[in-house]
C-alpha atoms as a PDB file:
ATOM      1  CA  UNK A   1     -33.256 285.768  64.356  1.00  0.00           C
ATOM      2  CA  UNK A   2     -34.111 282.057  64.286  1.00  0.00           C
ATOM      3  CA  UNK A   3     -35.468 280.326  67.349  1.00  0.00           C
ATOM      4  CA  UNK A   4     -33.700 277.265  68.758  1.00  0.00           C
ATOM      5  CA  UNK A   5     -35.734 274.078  68.547  1.00  0.00           C
ATOM      6  CA  UNK A   6     -35.087 272.062  71.668  1.00  0.00           C
ATOM      7  CA  UNK A   7     -35.108 268.272  71.726  1.00  0.00           C
ATOM      8  CA  UNK A   8     -36.822 265.812  74.013  1.00  0.00           C
ATOM      9  CA  UNK A   9     -34.839 262.702  74.942  1.00  0.00           C
ATOM     10  CA  UNK A  10     -36.452 259.604  76.389  1.00  0.00           C
ATOM     11  CA  UNK A  11     -34.050 257.053  77.908  1.00  0.00           C
ATOM     12  CA  UNK A  12     -35.160 253.425  78.220  1.00  0.00           C
ATOM     13  CA  UNK A  13     -33.511 250.428  79.831  1.00  0.00           C
ATOM     14  CA  UNK A  14     -31.947 248.345  77.036  1.00  0.00           C
ATOM     15  CA  UNK A  15     -33.087 245.064  78.613  1.00  0.00           C
ATOM     16  CA  UNK A  16     -36.536 245.768  80.042  1.00  0.00           C
ATOM     17  CA  UNK A  17     -37.485 248.719  77.758  1.00  0.00           C
ATOM     18  CA  UNK A  18     -38.700 250.485  80.917  1.00  0.00           C
ATOM     19  CA  UNK A  19     -38.472 254.276  80.800  1.00  0.00           C
ATOM     20  CA  UNK A  20     -35.770 255.509  83.143  1.00  0.00           C
ATOM     21  CA  UNK A  21     -35.607 259.199  82.384  1.00  0.00           C
ATOM     22  CA  UNK A  22     -37.217 261.921  80.292  1.00  0.00           C
ATOM     23  CA  UNK A  23     -35.084 264.952  79.393  1.00  0.00           C
ATOM     24  CA  UNK A  24     -36.960 268.036  78.274  1.00  0.00           C
ATOM     25  CA  UNK A  25     -35.612 271.100  76.451  1.00  0.00           C
ATOM     26  CA  UNK A  26     -32.272 269.556  75.482  1.00  0.00           C
ATOM     27  CA  UNK A  27     -30.082 271.845  73.394  1.00  0.00           C
ATOM     28  CA  UNK A  28     -29.662 270.319  69.889  1.00  0.00           C
ATOM     29  CA  UNK A  29     -25.935 271.074  70.066  1.00  0.00           C
ATOM     30  CA  UNK A  30     -25.579 268.877  73.145  1.00  0.00           C
ATOM     31  CA  UNK A  31     -23.237 265.916  72.850  1.00  0.00           C
ATOM     32  CA  UNK A  32     -23.874 262.393  74.064  1.00  0.00           C
ATOM     33  CA  UNK A  33     -21.489 263.214  76.890  1.00  0.00           C
ATOM     34  CA  UNK A  34     -23.771 266.100  77.900  1.00  0.00           C
ATOM     35  CA  UNK A  35     -26.814 263.809  77.865  1.00  0.00           C
ATOM     36  CA  UNK A  36     -24.955 261.319  80.057  1.00  0.00           C
ATOM     37  CA  UNK A  37     -24.277 264.102  82.545  1.00  0.00           C
ATOM     38  CA  UNK A  38     -27.975 265.038  82.595  1.00  0.00           C
ATOM     39  CA  UNK A  39     -28.908 261.383  83.093  1.00  0.00           C
ATOM     40  CA  UNK A  40     -26.356 261.171  85.916  1.00  0.00           C
ATOM     41  CA  UNK A  41     -28.200 263.925  87.779  1.00  0.00           C
ATOM     42  CA  UNK A  42     -31.331 261.769  87.828  1.00  0.00           C
ATOM     43  CA  UNK A  43     -29.410 258.581  88.680  1.00  0.00           C
ATOM     44  CA  UNK A  44     -26.231 259.497  90.619  1.00  0.00           C
ATOM     45  CA  UNK A  45     -25.055 255.882  90.882  1.00  0.00           C
ATOM     46  CA  UNK A  46     -24.687 255.686  87.090  1.00  0.00           C
ATOM     47  CA  UNK A  47     -21.850 258.122  86.470  1.00  0.00           C
ATOM     48  CA  UNK A  48     -21.108 258.974  82.797  1.00  0.00           C
ATOM     49  CA  UNK A  49     -18.260 256.496  82.386  1.00  0.00           C
ATOM     50  CA  UNK A  50     -20.576 253.706  83.468  1.00  0.00           C
ATOM     51  CA  UNK A  51     -23.230 254.540  80.869  1.00  0.00           C
ATOM     52  CA  UNK A  52     -23.674 253.262  77.324  1.00  0.00           C
ATOM     53  CA  UNK A  53     -26.332 255.024  75.250  1.00  0.00           C
ATOM     54  CA  UNK A  54     -27.634 253.571  71.978  1.00  0.00           C
ATOM     55  CA  UNK A  55     -30.285 254.509  69.420  1.00  0.00           C
ATOM     56  CA  UNK A  56     -31.269 250.845  69.274  1.00  0.00           C
ATOM     57  CA  UNK A  57     -30.880 248.261  72.009  1.00  0.00           C
ATOM     58  CA  UNK A  58     -28.847 246.020  69.684  1.00  0.00           C
ATOM     59  CA  UNK A  59     -26.641 248.683  68.096  1.00  0.00           C
ATOM     60  CA  UNK A  60     -23.207 249.936  69.075  1.00  0.00           C
ATOM     61  CA  UNK A  61     -22.866 252.576  71.776  1.00  0.00           C
ATOM     62  CA  UNK A  62     -22.841 256.224  70.759  1.00  0.00           C
ATOM     63  CA  UNK A  63     -19.567 258.093  71.200  1.00  0.00           C
ATOM     64  CA  UNK A  64     -19.442 260.866  73.783  1.00  0.00           C
ATOM     65  CA  UNK A  65     -18.448 263.467  71.187  1.00  0.00           C
ATOM     66  CA  UNK A  66     -21.399 262.798  68.848  1.00  0.00           C
ATOM     67  CA  UNK A  67     -23.822 265.755  68.619  1.00  0.00           C
ATOM     68  CA  UNK A  68     -27.550 265.228  69.143  1.00  0.00           C
ATOM     69  CA  UNK A  69     -28.712 267.234  66.119  1.00  0.00           C
ATOM     70  CA  UNK A  70     -26.402 265.236  63.824  1.00  0.00           C
ATOM     71  CA  UNK A  71     -27.916 261.903  64.797  1.00  0.00           C
ATOM     72  CA  UNK A  72     -30.673 260.253  62.695  1.00  0.00           C
ATOM     73  CA  UNK A  73     -33.393 261.223  65.165  1.00  0.00           C
ATOM     74  CA  UNK A  74     -36.230 263.737  65.289  1.00  0.00           C
ATOM     75  CA  UNK A  75     -36.857 266.363  67.919  1.00  0.00           C
ATOM     76  CA  UNK A  76     -38.201 263.579  70.121  1.00  0.00           C
ATOM     77  CA  UNK A  77     -35.468 260.991  70.531  1.00  0.00           C
ATOM     78  CA  UNK A  78     -35.442 257.603  72.206  1.00  0.00           C
ATOM     79  CA  UNK A  79     -32.188 256.192  73.545  1.00  0.00           C
ATOM     80  CA  UNK A  80     -31.418 252.924  75.237  1.00  0.00           C
ATOM     81  CA  UNK A  81     -29.268 252.712  78.348  1.00  0.00           C
ATOM     82  CA  UNK A  82     -26.904 249.910  79.321  1.00  0.00           C
ATOM     83  CA  UNK A  83     -25.006 249.739  82.607  1.00  0.00           C
ATOM     84  CA  UNK A  84     -21.327 249.015  81.893  1.00  0.00           C
ATOM     85  CA  UNK A  85     -20.607 248.223  85.538  1.00  0.00           C
ATOM     86  CA  UNK A  86     -17.993 249.766  87.860  1.00  0.00           C
ATOM     87  CA  UNK A  87     -15.197 251.526  85.983  1.00  0.00           C
ATOM     88  CA  UNK A  88     -11.591 252.483  86.703  1.00  0.00           C
ATOM     89  CA  UNK A  89      -9.396 254.981  84.869  1.00  0.00           C
ATOM     90  CA  UNK A  90      -6.857 253.724  82.338  1.00  0.00           C
ATOM     91  CA  UNK A  91      -3.937 255.033  84.349  1.00  0.00           C
ATOM     92  CA  UNK A  92      -5.008 252.906  87.314  1.00  0.00           C
ATOM     93  CA  UNK A  93      -5.518 249.957  84.953  1.00  0.00           C
ATOM     94  CA  UNK A  94      -2.011 250.110  83.523  1.00  0.00           C
ATOM     95  CA  UNK A  95      -0.432 250.676  86.915  1.00  0.00           C
ATOM     96  CA  UNK A  96      -2.196 247.595  88.263  1.00  0.00           C
ATOM     97  CA  UNK A  97      -1.212 245.510  85.231  1.00  0.00           C
ATOM     98  CA  UNK A  98       2.460 246.548  85.410  1.00  0.00           C
ATOM     99  CA  UNK A  99       3.231 246.800  89.124  1.00  0.00           C
ATOM    100  CA  UNK A 100       1.923 243.278  89.747  1.00  0.00           C
ATOM    101  CA  UNK A 101       4.359 241.487  87.390  1.00  0.00           C
ATOM    102  CA  UNK A 102       7.252 243.561  88.760  1.00  0.00           C
ATOM    103  CA  UNK A 103       6.570 242.538  92.357  1.00  0.00           C
ATOM    104  CA  UNK A 104       5.650 238.961  91.487  1.00  0.00           C
ATOM    105  CA  UNK A 105       8.896 238.374  89.612  1.00  0.00           C
ATOM    106  CA  UNK A 106      10.898 239.715  92.572  1.00  0.00           C
ATOM    107  CA  UNK A 107       9.491 237.017  94.860  1.00  0.00           C
ATOM    108  CA  UNK A 108      10.893 234.268  92.644  1.00  0.00           C
ATOM    109  CA  UNK A 109      14.134 236.037  91.775  1.00  0.00           C
ATOM    110  CA  UNK A 110      15.074 236.424  95.458  1.00  0.00           C
ATOM    111  CA  UNK A 111      13.686 232.947  96.190  1.00  0.00           C
ATOM    112  CA  UNK A 112      11.643 233.905  99.201  1.00  0.00           C
ATOM    113  CA  UNK A 113      10.793 230.978 101.507  1.00  0.00           C
ATOM    114  CA  UNK A 114       8.055 228.453 100.643  1.00  0.00           C
ATOM    115  CA  UNK A 115       8.378 228.948  96.873  1.00  0.00           C
ATOM    116  CA  UNK A 116      11.213 226.486  96.351  1.00  0.00           C
ATOM    117  CA  UNK A 117      12.800 224.046  98.780  1.00  0.00           C
ATOM    118  CA  UNK A 118      13.699 225.648 102.123  1.00  0.00           C
ATOM    119  CA  UNK A 119      17.438 225.166 101.546  1.00  0.00           C
ATOM    120  CA  UNK A 120      17.255 227.512  98.543  1.00  0.00           C
ATOM    121  CA  UNK A 121      15.574 230.374 100.438  1.00  0.00           C
ATOM    122  CA  UNK A 122      17.183 233.732  99.588  1.00  0.00           C
ATOM    123  CA  UNK A 123      19.871 232.120  97.453  1.00  0.00           C
ATOM    124  CA  UNK A 124      20.756 233.320  93.971  1.00  0.00           C
ATOM    125  CA  UNK A 125      21.391 231.596  90.666  1.00  0.00           C
ATOM    126  CA  UNK A 126      25.013 231.290  89.511  1.00  0.00           C
ATOM    127  CA  UNK A 127      24.046 231.828  85.866  1.00  0.00           C
ATOM    128  CA  UNK A 128      24.344 235.315  84.320  1.00  0.00           C
ATOM    129  CA  UNK A 129      21.367 234.653  82.035  1.00  0.00           C
ATOM    130  CA  UNK A 130      19.066 234.567  85.088  1.00  0.00           C
ATOM    131  CA  UNK A 131      20.242 238.015  86.176  1.00  0.00           C
ATOM    132  CA  UNK A 132      19.961 239.307  82.600  1.00  0.00           C
ATOM    133  CA  UNK A 133      16.413 237.945  82.359  1.00  0.00           C
ATOM    134  CA  UNK A 134      15.522 239.693  85.619  1.00  0.00           C
ATOM    135  CA  UNK A 135      16.949 242.976  84.310  1.00  0.00           C
ATOM    136  CA  UNK A 136      15.049 242.646  81.015  1.00  0.00           C
ATOM    137  CA  UNK A 137      11.757 241.793  82.688  1.00  0.00           C
ATOM    138  CA  UNK A 138      12.129 244.696  85.131  1.00  0.00           C
ATOM    139  CA  UNK A 139      13.104 247.124  82.364  1.00  0.00           C
ATOM    140  CA  UNK A 140      10.104 246.094  80.253  1.00  0.00           C
ATOM    141  CA  UNK A 141       7.529 246.795  82.937  1.00  0.00           C
ATOM    142  CA  UNK A 142       9.298 249.905  84.234  1.00  0.00           C
ATOM    143  CA  UNK A 143       9.127 251.252  80.684  1.00  0.00           C
ATOM    144  CA  UNK A 144       5.401 250.545  80.585  1.00  0.00           C
ATOM    145  CA  UNK A 145       4.916 252.353  83.891  1.00  0.00           C
ATOM    146  CA  UNK A 146       6.794 255.415  82.605  1.00  0.00           C
ATOM    147  CA  UNK A 147       4.728 255.386  79.409  1.00  0.00           C
ATOM    148  CA  UNK A 148       1.516 255.144  81.416  1.00  0.00           C
ATOM    149  CA  UNK A 149       2.374 258.157  83.555  1.00  0.00           C
ATOM    150  CA  UNK A 150       4.101 260.418  81.029  1.00  0.00           C
ATOM    151  CA  UNK A 151       3.313 259.296  77.462  1.00  0.00           C
ATOM    152  CA  UNK A 152      -0.041 257.607  76.857  1.00  0.00           C
ATOM    153  CA  UNK A 153      -3.230 259.481  76.026  1.00  0.00           C
ATOM    154  CA  UNK A 154      -6.272 257.267  76.239  1.00  0.00           C
ATOM    155  CA  UNK A 155      -9.201 257.670  73.843  1.00  0.00           C
ATOM    156  CA  UNK A 156     -11.553 256.036  76.367  1.00  0.00           C
ATOM    157  CA  UNK A 157     -11.428 257.176  79.960  1.00  0.00           C
ATOM    158  CA  UNK A 158     -12.170 253.948  81.797  1.00  0.00           C
ATOM    159  CA  UNK A 159     -12.211 250.151  81.758  1.00  0.00           C
ATOM    160  CA  UNK A 160     -14.786 247.871  83.433  1.00  0.00           C
ATOM    161  CA  UNK A 161     -13.623 246.495  86.763  1.00  0.00           C
ATOM    162  CA  UNK A 162     -14.308 242.889  85.702  1.00  0.00           C
ATOM    163  CA  UNK A 163     -11.974 243.344  82.716  1.00  0.00           C
ATOM    164  CA  UNK A 164      -9.259 244.754  84.965  1.00  0.00           C
ATOM    165  CA  UNK A 165      -9.463 241.707  87.225  1.00  0.00           C
ATOM    166  CA  UNK A 166      -9.169 239.398  84.201  1.00  0.00           C
ATOM    167  CA  UNK A 167      -6.182 241.319  82.812  1.00  0.00           C
ATOM    168  CA  UNK A 168      -4.399 241.358  86.159  1.00  0.00           C
ATOM    169  CA  UNK A 169      -4.867 237.605  86.544  1.00  0.00           C
ATOM    170  CA  UNK A 170      -3.360 237.183  83.069  1.00  0.00           C
ATOM    171  CA  UNK A 171      -0.318 239.418  83.580  1.00  0.00           C
ATOM    172  CA  UNK A 172       0.359 238.537  87.209  1.00  0.00           C
ATOM    173  CA  UNK A 173      -0.207 234.834  86.655  1.00  0.00           C
ATOM    174  CA  UNK A 174       2.066 234.560  83.648  1.00  0.00           C
ATOM    175  CA  UNK A 175       4.738 236.632  85.376  1.00  0.00           C
ATOM    176  CA  UNK A 176       4.730 234.150  88.265  1.00  0.00           C
ATOM    177  CA  UNK A 177       4.813 231.177  85.885  1.00  0.00           C
ATOM    178  CA  UNK A 178       7.746 232.542  83.902  1.00  0.00           C
ATOM    179  CA  UNK A 179       9.647 233.591  87.002  1.00  0.00           C
ATOM    180  CA  UNK A 180       9.144 230.213  88.682  1.00  0.00           C
ATOM    181  CA  UNK A 181      11.003 228.349  85.945  1.00  0.00           C
ATOM    182  CA  UNK A 182      13.621 230.954  85.041  1.00  0.00           C
ATOM    183  CA  UNK A 183      14.671 231.363  88.699  1.00  0.00           C
ATOM    184  CA  UNK A 184      14.265 227.717  89.659  1.00  0.00           C
ATOM    185  CA  UNK A 185      17.345 226.218  91.400  1.00  0.00           C
ATOM    186  CA  UNK A 186      17.422 223.422  88.792  1.00  0.00           C
ATOM    187  CA  UNK A 187      17.293 225.819  85.826  1.00  0.00           C
ATOM    188  CA  UNK A 188      20.299 225.430  83.519  1.00  0.00           C
ATOM    189  CA  UNK A 189      20.883 227.756  80.576  1.00  0.00           C
ATOM    190  CA  UNK A 190      21.292 225.950  77.242  1.00  0.00           C
ATOM    191  CA  UNK A 191      24.096 226.379  74.759  1.00  0.00           C
ATOM    192  CA  UNK A 192      23.112 228.236  71.593  1.00  0.00           C
ATOM    193  CA  UNK A 193      25.948 227.126  69.353  1.00  0.00           C
ATOM    194  CA  UNK A 194      25.673 228.438  65.805  1.00  0.00           C
ATOM    195  CA  UNK A 195      22.834 230.844  66.559  1.00  0.00           C
ATOM    196  CA  UNK A 196      25.558 233.430  67.052  1.00  0.00           C
ATOM    197  CA  UNK A 197      26.168 233.345  63.300  1.00  0.00           C
ATOM    198  CA  UNK A 198      22.504 234.049  62.551  1.00  0.00           C
ATOM    199  CA  UNK A 199      22.677 237.331  64.418  1.00  0.00           C
ATOM    200  CA  UNK A 200      26.238 238.330  63.505  1.00  0.00           C
ATOM    201  CA  UNK A 201      25.163 240.505  60.573  1.00  0.00           C
ATOM    202  CA  UNK A 202      22.687 242.433  62.709  1.00  0.00           C
ATOM    203  CA  UNK A 203      24.834 243.217  65.722  1.00  0.00           C
ATOM    204  CA  UNK A 204      28.381 242.663  64.497  1.00  0.00           C
ATOM    205  CA  UNK A 205      29.461 246.235  65.172  1.00  0.00           C
ATOM    206  CA  UNK A 206      27.948 246.235  68.662  1.00  0.00           C
ATOM    207  CA  UNK A 207      29.644 242.958  69.472  1.00  0.00           C
ATOM    208  CA  UNK A 208      33.008 244.398  68.558  1.00  0.00           C
ATOM    209  CA  UNK A 209      32.480 247.221  71.006  1.00  0.00           C
ATOM    210  CA  UNK A 210      31.194 245.100  73.876  1.00  0.00           C
ATOM    211  CA  UNK A 211      33.337 241.976  73.732  1.00  0.00           C
ATOM    212  CA  UNK A 212      37.073 241.451  73.523  1.00  0.00           C
ATOM    213  CA  UNK A 213      38.847 238.996  71.308  1.00  0.00           C
ATOM    214  CA  UNK A 214      39.812 236.822  74.299  1.00  0.00           C
ATOM    215  CA  UNK A 215      36.174 236.475  75.315  1.00  0.00           C
ATOM    216  CA  UNK A 216      35.175 235.328  71.850  1.00  0.00           C
ATOM    217  CA  UNK A 217      37.772 232.542  72.000  1.00  0.00           C
ATOM    218  CA  UNK A 218      36.291 231.098  75.170  1.00  0.00           C
ATOM    219  CA  UNK A 219      33.364 228.719  74.743  1.00  0.00           C
ATOM    220  CA  UNK A 220      31.868 229.866  78.038  1.00  0.00           C
ATOM    221  CA  UNK A 221      32.092 233.483  77.048  1.00  0.00           C
ATOM    222  CA  UNK A 222      30.781 232.584  73.590  1.00  0.00           C
ATOM    223  CA  UNK A 223      27.496 231.469  75.134  1.00  0.00           C
ATOM    224  CA  UNK A 224      27.410 234.694  77.143  1.00  0.00           C
ATOM    225  CA  UNK A 225      28.047 236.628  73.947  1.00  0.00           C
ATOM    226  CA  UNK A 226      25.087 234.942  72.279  1.00  0.00           C
ATOM    227  CA  UNK A 227      22.794 235.728  75.184  1.00  0.00           C
ATOM    228  CA  UNK A 228      23.928 239.325  75.131  1.00  0.00           C
ATOM    229  CA  UNK A 229      23.081 239.397  71.438  1.00  0.00           C
ATOM    230  CA  UNK A 230      19.507 238.533  72.338  1.00  0.00           C
ATOM    231  CA  UNK A 231      19.667 241.059  75.159  1.00  0.00           C
ATOM    232  CA  UNK A 232      20.648 243.717  72.607  1.00  0.00           C
ATOM    233  CA  UNK A 233      17.846 242.560  70.303  1.00  0.00           C
ATOM    234  CA  UNK A 234      15.348 242.862  73.149  1.00  0.00           C
ATOM    235  CA  UNK A 235      16.459 246.328  74.185  1.00  0.00           C
ATOM    236  CA  UNK A 236      16.413 247.535  70.574  1.00  0.00           C
ATOM    237  CA  UNK A 237      12.797 246.345  70.362  1.00  0.00           C
ATOM    238  CA  UNK A 238      11.946 247.989  73.678  1.00  0.00           C
ATOM    239  CA  UNK A 239      13.433 251.275  72.456  1.00  0.00           C
ATOM    240  CA  UNK A 240      11.516 250.928  69.197  1.00  0.00           C
ATOM    241  CA  UNK A 241       8.286 250.275  71.087  1.00  0.00           C
ATOM    242  CA  UNK A 242       8.867 253.392  73.201  1.00  0.00           C
ATOM    243  CA  UNK A 243       9.584 255.477  70.086  1.00  0.00           C
ATOM    244  CA  UNK A 244       6.326 254.371  68.462  1.00  0.00           C
ATOM    245  CA  UNK A 245       4.341 255.272  71.566  1.00  0.00           C
ATOM    246  CA  UNK A 246       5.905 258.744  71.560  1.00  0.00           C
ATOM    247  CA  UNK A 247       4.984 259.154  67.888  1.00  0.00           C
ATOM    248  CA  UNK A 248       1.385 258.083  68.519  1.00  0.00           C
ATOM    249  CA  UNK A 249       1.210 260.431  71.494  1.00  0.00           C
ATOM    250  CA  UNK A 250       2.346 263.367  69.341  1.00  0.00           C
ATOM    251  CA  UNK A 251       0.037 262.450  66.467  1.00  0.00           C
ATOM    252  CA  UNK A 252      -2.835 264.483  67.881  1.00  0.00           C
ATOM    253  CA  UNK A 253      -2.191 267.520  70.050  1.00  0.00           C
ATOM    254  CA  UNK A 254      -3.994 268.295  73.267  1.00  0.00           C
ATOM    255  CA  UNK A 255      -7.624 269.142  72.544  1.00  0.00           C
ATOM    256  CA  UNK A 256      -7.305 268.556  68.800  1.00  0.00           C
ATOM    257  CA  UNK A 257     -10.237 266.867  67.053  1.00  0.00           C
ATOM    258  CA  UNK A 258      -8.428 266.240  63.776  1.00  0.00           C
ATOM    259  CA  UNK A 259      -7.423 262.674  62.981  1.00  0.00           C
ATOM    260  CA  UNK A 260      -4.386 261.584  61.001  1.00  0.00           C
ATOM    261  CA  UNK A 261      -2.794 258.214  60.448  1.00  0.00           C
ATOM    262  CA  UNK A 262       0.741 257.738  61.832  1.00  0.00           C
ATOM    263  CA  UNK A 263       3.695 258.157  59.487  1.00  0.00           C
ATOM    264  CA  UNK A 264       7.473 257.697  59.803  1.00  0.00           C
ATOM    265  CA  UNK A 265       9.479 260.538  61.333  1.00  0.00           C
ATOM    266  CA  UNK A 266      13.202 261.292  61.455  1.00  0.00           C
ATOM    267  CA  UNK A 267      13.507 258.721  64.244  1.00  0.00           C
ATOM    268  CA  UNK A 268      14.771 255.516  62.525  1.00  0.00           C
ATOM    269  CA  UNK A 269      12.690 253.345  64.834  1.00  0.00           C
ATOM    270  CA  UNK A 270       9.520 254.847  63.346  1.00  0.00           C
ATOM    271  CA  UNK A 271      10.488 253.824  59.809  1.00  0.00           C
ATOM    272  CA  UNK A 272       8.698 250.550  60.473  1.00  0.00           C
ATOM    273  CA  UNK A 273       5.505 252.549  59.840  1.00  0.00           C
ATOM    274  CA  UNK A 274       6.385 252.167  56.167  1.00  0.00           C
ATOM    275  CA  UNK A 275       5.532 248.474  56.380  1.00  0.00           C
ATOM    276  CA  UNK A 276       3.074 247.970  59.262  1.00  0.00           C
ATOM    277  CA  UNK A 277       0.200 249.835  60.856  1.00  0.00           C
ATOM    278  CA  UNK A 278       1.087 248.892  64.435  1.00  0.00           C
ATOM    279  CA  UNK A 279       4.886 248.750  64.801  1.00  0.00           C
ATOM    280  CA  UNK A 280       4.512 249.066  68.573  1.00  0.00           C
ATOM    281  CA  UNK A 281       3.111 245.532  68.532  1.00  0.00           C
ATOM    282  CA  UNK A 282       5.841 244.418  66.141  1.00  0.00           C
ATOM    283  CA  UNK A 283       8.539 245.672  68.509  1.00  0.00           C
ATOM    284  CA  UNK A 284       6.712 244.181  71.496  1.00  0.00           C
ATOM    285  CA  UNK A 285       6.641 240.809  69.759  1.00  0.00           C
ATOM    286  CA  UNK A 286      10.330 241.102  68.880  1.00  0.00           C
ATOM    287  CA  UNK A 287      11.233 241.804  72.497  1.00  0.00           C
ATOM    288  CA  UNK A 288       9.395 238.739  73.765  1.00  0.00           C
ATOM    289  CA  UNK A 289      10.777 236.528  70.999  1.00  0.00           C
ATOM    290  CA  UNK A 290      14.263 237.648  72.042  1.00  0.00           C
ATOM    291  CA  UNK A 291      13.432 236.926  75.679  1.00  0.00           C
ATOM    292  CA  UNK A 292      12.124 233.478  74.753  1.00  0.00           C
ATOM    293  CA  UNK A 293      15.253 232.547  72.817  1.00  0.00           C
ATOM    294  CA  UNK A 294      17.588 233.993  75.442  1.00  0.00           C
ATOM    295  CA  UNK A 295      16.026 231.982  78.279  1.00  0.00           C
ATOM    296  CA  UNK A 296      14.861 229.018  76.162  1.00  0.00           C
ATOM    297  CA  UNK A 297      12.042 228.546  78.646  1.00  0.00           C
ATOM    298  CA  UNK A 298       8.835 226.925  77.389  1.00  0.00           C
ATOM    299  CA  UNK A 299       6.424 229.052  79.506  1.00  0.00           C
ATOM    300  CA  UNK A 300       8.030 232.199  78.064  1.00  0.00           C
ATOM    301  CA  UNK A 301       7.530 230.895  74.533  1.00  0.00           C
ATOM    302  CA  UNK A 302       3.887 230.058  75.298  1.00  0.00           C
ATOM    303  CA  UNK A 303       3.319 233.542  76.739  1.00  0.00           C
ATOM    304  CA  UNK A 304       4.919 235.051  73.621  1.00  0.00           C
ATOM    305  CA  UNK A 305       2.606 233.001  71.387  1.00  0.00           C
ATOM    306  CA  UNK A 306      -0.517 234.099  73.267  1.00  0.00           C
ATOM    307  CA  UNK A 307       0.673 237.709  73.159  1.00  0.00           C
ATOM    308  CA  UNK A 308       1.270 237.442  69.412  1.00  0.00           C
ATOM    309  CA  UNK A 309      -2.263 236.120  68.823  1.00  0.00           C
ATOM    310  CA  UNK A 310      -3.860 238.906  70.875  1.00  0.00           C
ATOM    311  CA  UNK A 311      -1.696 241.679  69.387  1.00  0.00           C
ATOM    312  CA  UNK A 312      -2.470 240.395  65.877  1.00  0.00           C
ATOM    313  CA  UNK A 313      -6.205 240.729  66.601  1.00  0.00           C
ATOM    314  CA  UNK A 314      -5.697 244.293  67.853  1.00  0.00           C
ATOM    315  CA  UNK A 315      -3.402 245.198  64.965  1.00  0.00           C
ATOM    316  CA  UNK A 316      -5.790 243.862  62.316  1.00  0.00           C
ATOM    317  CA  UNK A 317      -8.635 245.829  63.851  1.00  0.00           C
ATOM    318  CA  UNK A 318      -6.595 249.025  63.850  1.00  0.00           C
ATOM    319  CA  UNK A 319      -5.388 248.362  60.295  1.00  0.00           C
ATOM    320  CA  UNK A 320      -8.958 247.923  59.032  1.00  0.00           C
ATOM    321  CA  UNK A 321     -10.043 251.100  60.832  1.00  0.00           C
ATOM    322  CA  UNK A 322      -7.219 253.108  59.233  1.00  0.00           C
ATOM    323  CA  UNK A 323      -8.017 251.704  55.778  1.00  0.00           C
ATOM    324  CA  UNK A 324     -11.716 252.577  56.074  1.00  0.00           C
ATOM    325  CA  UNK A 325     -11.172 256.060  57.485  1.00  0.00           C
ATOM    326  CA  UNK A 326      -8.338 257.285  55.269  1.00  0.00           C
ATOM    327  CA  UNK A 327      -8.681 256.941  51.495  1.00  0.00           C
ATOM    328  CA  UNK A 328      -4.965 257.662  50.986  1.00  0.00           C
ATOM    329  CA  UNK A 329      -3.810 255.063  53.502  1.00  0.00           C
ATOM    330  CA  UNK A 330      -0.613 253.322  52.248  1.00  0.00           C
ATOM    331  CA  UNK A 331      -1.436 250.021  50.553  1.00  0.00           C
ATOM    332  CA  UNK A 332       2.009 248.579  51.300  1.00  0.00           C
ATOM    333  CA  UNK A 333       1.333 248.444  55.018  1.00  0.00           C
ATOM    334  CA  UNK A 334       0.362 245.220  56.706  1.00  0.00           C
ATOM    335  CA  UNK A 335      -1.058 244.947  60.229  1.00  0.00           C
ATOM    336  CA  UNK A 336       1.837 243.683  62.353  1.00  0.00           C
ATOM    337  CA  UNK A 337       4.436 241.709  60.343  1.00  0.00           C
ATOM    338  CA  UNK A 338       5.959 243.449  57.301  1.00  0.00           C
ATOM    339  CA  UNK A 339       4.808 241.989  53.964  1.00  0.00           C
ATOM    340  CA  UNK A 340       3.212 238.968  55.643  1.00  0.00           C
ATOM    341  CA  UNK A 341       0.454 239.692  58.176  1.00  0.00           C
END
């Protein structure tokens, strides 16, 4: 019967190189998460989620699931500690990011006093597109709340508090900026003209169900028809985004350590996996493009552009990770836009 050789782990401050803790008789099968828990006993204020442990002060942090005996260290190991700062769980993060825009938009939609001129307090816009925009914006963030509570599984348990504040400023601030102009008393919806033709092939059948022949003859109703086309486009993208999140959620079962790359299922919305690695971002972009065209509001277009840039960065990173990890990863797939990007 072989004897277990225990490890000794010395933990230094990554900045000052001062020794913070010395762990004796550490089981070689211990994970980094276990070592964080042991370190937490010595320093209660640094709970595991707040810790980053590295083999070198300039290297990337070790993952919680990595096993001590599998690391390139001897029986006496030196690790470097970095304080990640106060942390909050991802569920709290997403709730904060989504509830804020919902409530912020309501203030402008109902025109509470002191936002616009006093004579417009608690009035409403006569234009249907303003009410449609409100419904779309509300649906988008309600969907994200439902996904946060019932769908998403997060690979990392927490986010730094300073990052949460930055994200909330971004989402809440842009929501207020968009809502200010869309619900402004002087806002007038533009006429789309021939854009109806551009989307006729995509939603022709739906249009026949929703609109009557008399409505299509009226120029006023024609503009409404066009806006509803973009509404349909948006909701199709929202449904596609939700379908992708469900697929990603089901990709790895509870407690499973195996990793697979996502593939199309019988759900037609997931067939976009044939062409892109992150169709959830593709659908998200499509929804905001539809919202931008429907409202023809410059702040919305600017927000869509910024979102596209950020989602492209995320998608490219995920695409590279898939390509490195899986040798049989489909070569046809792009990151976010089929055949282009």
